[in-house]
Amino acid sequence: MRGILSAKKQNSLKECLICEMEKDLGIHLLNYFICKECEHEIVTTETDNSNYGYYLERLKKVREALSATKNKVH
């Protein structure tokens, strides 16, 4: 039984867009996943923090995917 639960948990893991670690809790933005920890860091990081630019760069993938989706519709 323990092996089955472990296999189920592994299947639910997704790679976070920000930290690139496999996690099971977080949010989905289009085809991307952001883990709960990174989501918290993103929304609480001040714009003058050195990590802010990194988060923006990683989140550009979501914006690019959204733009590509819009272009396919039109």
N, C-alpha and C. Protein backbone atom coordinates (compact mmCIF):
# COMPACT_ATOMS: atom_id res chain seq x y z
N MET A 1 0.83 -1.20 0.00
CA MET A 1 0.00 0.00 0.00
C MET A 1 0.87 1.26 0.00
N ARG A 2 1.95 1.24 0.74
CA ARG A 2 2.81 2.42 0.80
C ARG A 2 3.38 2.77 -0.57
N GLY A 3 3.75 1.75 -1.35
CA GLY A 3 4.29 1.98 -2.68
C GLY A 3 3.29 2.65 -3.60
N ILE A 4 2.02 2.28 -3.46
CA ILE A 4 0.96 2.88 -4.29
C ILE A 4 0.80 4.35 -3.95
N LEU A 5 0.81 4.68 -2.67
CA LEU A 5 0.67 6.08 -2.26
C LEU A 5 1.85 6.90 -2.76
N SER A 6 3.04 6.34 -2.68
CA SER A 6 4.22 7.06 -3.16
C SER A 6 4.12 7.31 -4.66
N ALA A 7 3.64 6.31 -5.40
CA ALA A 7 3.49 6.46 -6.85
C ALA A 7 2.46 7.54 -7.16
N LYS A 8 1.36 7.57 -6.43
CA LYS A 8 0.34 8.59 -6.64
C LYS A 8 0.89 9.98 -6.35
N LYS A 9 1.66 10.11 -5.28
CA LYS A 9 2.24 11.40 -4.92
C LYS A 9 3.21 11.84 -6.02
N GLN A 10 4.02 10.92 -6.53
CA GLN A 10 4.97 11.27 -7.58
C GLN A 10 4.25 11.76 -8.83
N ASN A 11 3.12 11.15 -9.16
CA ASN A 11 2.36 11.56 -10.33
C ASN A 11 1.76 12.94 -10.17
N SER A 12 1.55 13.39 -8.94
CA SER A 12 0.95 14.70 -8.72
C SER A 12 1.99 15.81 -8.67
N LEU A 13 3.27 15.48 -8.65
CA LEU A 13 4.31 16.50 -8.59
C LEU A 13 4.44 17.20 -9.93
N LYS A 14 4.65 18.51 -9.87
CA LYS A 14 4.83 19.32 -11.06
C LYS A 14 6.06 20.19 -10.87
N GLU A 15 6.72 20.54 -11.95
CA GLU A 15 7.91 21.38 -11.85
C GLU A 15 7.50 22.84 -11.80
N CYS A 16 7.98 23.53 -10.80
CA CYS A 16 7.69 24.94 -10.61
C CYS A 16 8.45 25.79 -11.63
N LEU A 17 7.76 26.73 -12.23
CA LEU A 17 8.35 27.64 -13.20
C LEU A 17 9.46 28.49 -12.58
N ILE A 18 9.32 28.82 -11.32
CA ILE A 18 10.26 29.73 -10.66
C ILE A 18 11.48 29.00 -10.11
N CYS A 19 11.25 28.05 -9.19
CA CYS A 19 12.38 27.37 -8.52
C CYS A 19 12.82 26.10 -9.23
N GLU A 20 12.03 25.64 -10.20
CA GLU A 20 12.31 24.45 -11.00
C GLU A 20 12.39 23.17 -10.17
N MET A 21 11.79 23.19 -8.98
CA MET A 21 11.72 22.00 -8.15
C MET A 21 10.36 21.35 -8.34
N GLU A 22 10.28 20.06 -8.09
CA GLU A 22 9.01 19.37 -8.20
C GLU A 22 8.24 19.50 -6.90
N LYS A 23 7.04 20.03 -6.99
CA LYS A 23 6.18 20.26 -5.83
C LYS A 23 4.77 19.79 -6.16
N ASP A 24 3.95 19.66 -5.13
CA ASP A 24 2.58 19.22 -5.38
C ASP A 24 1.54 20.29 -5.07
N LEU A 25 1.90 21.34 -4.36
CA LEU A 25 0.95 22.40 -4.03
C LEU A 25 1.36 23.70 -4.72
N GLY A 26 0.37 24.33 -5.36
CA GLY A 26 0.65 25.59 -6.02
C GLY A 26 -0.49 25.99 -6.94
N ILE A 27 -0.18 26.91 -7.84
CA ILE A 27 -1.19 27.41 -8.77
C ILE A 27 -0.76 27.12 -10.21
N HIS A 28 -1.74 27.09 -11.09
CA HIS A 28 -1.48 26.89 -12.51
C HIS A 28 -1.82 28.19 -13.24
N LEU A 29 -0.89 28.64 -14.07
CA LEU A 29 -1.10 29.78 -14.95
C LEU A 29 -0.88 29.29 -16.37
N LEU A 30 -1.95 29.19 -17.13
CA LEU A 30 -1.90 28.58 -18.46
C LEU A 30 -1.31 27.18 -18.32
N ASN A 31 -0.23 26.89 -19.00
CA ASN A 31 0.40 25.57 -18.90
C ASN A 31 1.51 25.52 -17.87
N TYR A 32 1.66 26.55 -17.07
CA TYR A 32 2.75 26.62 -16.11
C TYR A 32 2.25 26.42 -14.69
N PHE A 33 3.15 25.94 -13.84
CA PHE A 33 2.85 25.69 -12.43
C PHE A 33 3.80 26.52 -11.59
N ILE A 34 3.28 27.18 -10.56
CA ILE A 34 4.11 27.92 -9.60
C ILE A 34 3.78 27.36 -8.23
N CYS A 35 4.80 26.88 -7.53
CA CYS A 35 4.57 26.26 -6.23
C CYS A 35 4.12 27.30 -5.21
N LYS A 36 3.54 26.81 -4.15
CA LYS A 36 2.98 27.69 -3.11
C LYS A 36 4.05 28.60 -2.51
N GLU A 37 5.24 28.05 -2.30
CA GLU A 37 6.32 28.84 -1.70
C GLU A 37 6.75 29.99 -2.62
N CYS A 38 6.90 29.68 -3.91
CA CYS A 38 7.31 30.73 -4.85
C CYS A 38 6.21 31.77 -5.04
N GLU A 39 4.97 31.31 -5.07
CA GLU A 39 3.85 32.25 -5.17
C GLU A 39 3.91 33.25 -4.02
N HIS A 40 4.14 32.74 -2.82
CA HIS A 40 4.23 33.62 -1.65
C HIS A 40 5.39 34.60 -1.81
N GLU A 41 6.54 34.10 -2.25
CA GLU A 41 7.71 34.97 -2.43
C GLU A 41 7.44 36.05 -3.47
N ILE A 42 6.78 35.68 -4.55
CA ILE A 42 6.48 36.65 -5.61
C ILE A 42 5.59 37.77 -5.10
N VAL A 43 4.53 37.43 -4.40
CA VAL A 43 3.57 38.46 -3.98
C VAL A 43 4.06 39.28 -2.79
N THR A 44 5.07 38.80 -2.07
CA THR A 44 5.57 39.57 -0.92
C THR A 44 6.90 40.26 -1.18
N THR A 45 7.51 40.03 -2.35
CA THR A 45 8.80 40.63 -2.66
C THR A 45 8.62 42.08 -3.08
N GLU A 46 9.39 42.95 -2.47
CA GLU A 46 9.38 44.37 -2.83
C GLU A 46 10.12 44.57 -4.15
N THR A 47 9.75 45.60 -4.88
CA THR A 47 10.34 45.84 -6.19
C THR A 47 11.83 46.17 -6.14
N ASP A 48 12.32 46.61 -5.00
CA ASP A 48 13.75 46.92 -4.88
C ASP A 48 14.58 45.72 -4.41
N ASN A 49 13.93 44.58 -4.20
CA ASN A 49 14.61 43.35 -3.79
C ASN A 49 15.34 42.76 -5.01
N SER A 50 16.52 42.21 -4.79
CA SER A 50 17.30 41.66 -5.90
C SER A 50 16.60 40.48 -6.59
N ASN A 51 15.72 39.79 -5.92
CA ASN A 51 15.00 38.65 -6.52
C ASN A 51 13.87 39.10 -7.44
N TYR A 52 13.42 40.33 -7.33
CA TYR A 52 12.27 40.81 -8.09
C TYR A 52 12.49 40.66 -9.60
N GLY A 53 13.64 41.05 -10.07
CA GLY A 53 13.96 40.93 -11.50
C GLY A 53 13.96 39.49 -11.97
N TYR A 54 14.44 38.58 -11.13
CA TYR A 54 14.45 37.16 -11.47
C TYR A 54 13.02 36.65 -11.65
N TYR A 55 12.13 37.03 -10.73
CA TYR A 55 10.74 36.60 -10.83
C TYR A 55 10.10 37.13 -12.10
N LEU A 56 10.38 38.38 -12.44
CA LEU A 56 9.83 38.96 -13.67
C LEU A 56 10.30 38.19 -14.90
N GLU A 57 11.58 37.85 -14.93
CA GLU A 57 12.12 37.10 -16.06
C GLU A 57 11.45 35.75 -16.21
N ARG A 58 11.27 35.05 -15.10
CA ARG A 58 10.64 33.73 -15.14
C ARG A 58 9.17 33.84 -15.56
N LEU A 59 8.49 34.88 -15.09
CA LEU A 59 7.07 35.06 -15.40
C LEU A 59 6.83 35.50 -16.84
N LYS A 60 7.87 35.96 -17.53
CA LYS A 60 7.72 36.35 -18.93
C LYS A 60 7.26 35.17 -19.78
N LYS A 61 7.60 33.95 -19.36
CA LYS A 61 7.16 32.77 -20.11
C LYS A 61 5.64 32.69 -20.14
N VAL A 62 5.01 33.06 -19.04
CA VAL A 62 3.54 33.04 -18.98
C VAL A 62 2.99 34.09 -19.94
N ARG A 63 3.56 35.27 -19.92
CA ARG A 63 3.10 36.34 -20.81
C ARG A 63 3.29 35.95 -22.27
N GLU A 64 4.43 35.34 -22.59
CA GLU A 64 4.69 34.92 -23.96
C GLU A 64 3.69 33.85 -24.40
N ALA A 65 3.38 32.91 -23.50
CA ALA A 65 2.40 31.87 -23.82
C ALA A 65 1.02 32.47 -24.03
N LEU A 66 0.67 33.47 -23.24
CA LEU A 66 -0.62 34.14 -23.38
C LEU A 66 -0.68 34.88 -24.71
N SER A 67 0.39 35.55 -25.09
CA SER A 67 0.44 36.26 -26.37
C SER A 67 0.31 35.27 -27.53
N ALA A 68 0.97 34.13 -27.42
CA ALA A 68 0.89 33.13 -28.48
C ALA A 68 -0.53 32.58 -28.60
N THR A 69 -1.19 32.41 -27.47
CA THR A 69 -2.58 31.93 -27.47
C THR A 69 -3.50 32.95 -28.12
N LYS A 70 -3.31 34.23 -27.80
CA LYS A 70 -4.12 35.28 -28.40
C LYS A 70 -3.94 35.34 -29.90
N ASN A 71 -2.69 35.18 -30.35
CA ASN A 71 -2.40 35.24 -31.79
C ASN A 71 -3.04 34.08 -32.55
N LYS A 72 -3.18 32.92 -31.92
CA LYS A 72 -3.80 31.78 -32.57
C LYS A 72 -5.30 31.98 -32.72
N VAL A 73 -5.91 32.70 -31.78
CA VAL A 73 -7.36 32.91 -31.80
C VAL A 73 -7.75 33.89 -32.92
N HIS A 74 -6.91 34.89 -33.14
CA HIS A 74 -7.25 35.94 -34.12
C HIS A 74 -6.90 35.55 -35.50
